[in-house]
Protein backbone atom coordinates (compact mmCIF):
# COMPACT_ATOMS: atom_id res chain seq x y z
CA UNK A 1 42.67 225.58 76.57
CA UNK A 2 43.20 221.91 77.41
CA UNK A 3 40.11 219.83 77.47
CA UNK A 4 38.91 216.29 78.70
CA UNK A 5 37.65 213.72 76.24
CA UNK A 6 35.79 210.55 76.80
CA UNK A 7 34.81 207.79 74.49
CA UNK A 8 32.12 205.32 75.48
CA UNK A 9 31.51 201.73 74.11
CA UNK A 10 35.21 200.97 73.30
CA UNK A 11 35.22 197.18 72.13
CA UNK A 12 37.72 195.16 74.43
CA UNK A 13 39.59 194.13 71.39
CA UNK A 14 40.44 198.17 70.71
CA UNK A 15 41.39 198.65 74.25
CA UNK A 16 43.77 195.50 74.35
CA UNK A 17 45.46 196.70 71.12
CA UNK A 18 45.84 200.14 72.36
CA UNK A 19 47.30 199.11 75.82
CA UNK A 20 49.78 196.91 74.02
CA UNK A 21 50.82 199.72 71.78
CA UNK A 22 51.15 201.98 75.01
CA UNK A 23 53.21 199.15 76.81
CA UNK A 24 55.29 198.94 73.56
CA UNK A 25 56.05 202.49 73.30
CA UNK A 26 56.57 202.73 77.38
CA UNK A 27 53.72 205.24 77.66
CA UNK A 28 50.46 205.55 79.66
CA UNK A 29 47.36 204.67 77.73
CA UNK A 30 46.44 208.36 78.28
CA UNK A 31 49.74 209.62 76.61
CA UNK A 32 49.40 206.86 73.72
CA UNK A 33 45.98 207.99 72.97
CA UNK A 34 47.23 211.48 73.00
CA UNK A 35 50.15 210.70 70.72
CA UNK A 36 47.86 208.85 68.38
CA UNK A 37 45.31 211.86 67.87
CA UNK A 38 48.33 214.38 67.54
CA UNK A 39 49.63 212.11 64.63
CA UNK A 40 46.04 212.03 63.14
CA UNK A 41 45.23 215.55 62.94
CA UNK A 42 48.69 217.05 62.06
CA UNK A 43 48.71 218.78 58.68
CA UNK A 44 50.24 216.29 56.41
CA UNK A 45 53.31 217.86 54.78
CA UNK A 46 53.34 217.85 50.82
CA UNK A 47 55.95 216.26 48.89
CA UNK A 48 58.11 217.79 46.10
CA UNK A 49 58.04 216.15 42.71
CA UNK A 50 61.63 214.90 43.26
CA UNK A 51 60.66 213.30 46.41
CA UNK A 52 57.93 211.83 44.80
CA UNK A 53 60.07 210.62 42.10
CA UNK A 54 62.73 209.22 44.35
CA UNK A 55 59.99 207.12 46.06
CA UNK A 56 59.05 205.97 42.72
CA UNK A 57 62.34 204.91 42.01
CA UNK A 58 63.12 202.93 45.02
CA UNK A 59 60.29 200.56 44.01
CA UNK A 60 62.48 199.47 41.11
CA UNK A 61 59.69 199.24 38.58
CA UNK A 62 60.83 198.02 35.14
CA UNK A 63 57.43 198.35 33.56
CA UNK A 64 54.25 199.99 33.63
CA UNK A 65 52.57 196.73 34.20
CA UNK A 66 54.40 196.14 37.62
CA UNK A 67 53.09 199.53 38.74
CA UNK A 68 49.58 198.60 37.88
CA UNK A 69 49.96 194.97 39.95
CA UNK A 70 51.32 197.02 42.87
CA UNK A 71 48.39 199.64 42.47
CA UNK A 72 45.72 196.78 42.42
CA UNK A 73 47.01 194.77 45.28
CA UNK A 74 47.06 198.10 47.00
CA UNK A 75 43.28 198.83 46.06
CA UNK A 76 42.18 195.27 46.53
CA UNK A 77 43.65 195.10 50.14
CA UNK A 78 41.45 198.16 51.34
């Protein structure tokens, strides 16, 4: 059964970002928010070992040190 949600005290910067995102996707703000919620709550699909291997091979890593550098950079970015 559909339900109406309400979020209070949303900062202006978030509202502006959401409005801009909705504009770029040619959606209303409500449609954009529903799309974002649907993406977040969808069950992630698990990748097979061959899919993971293919993604790693696309990186073109030559040595384990290169992988360490990428992982550290990703970790430090968060």
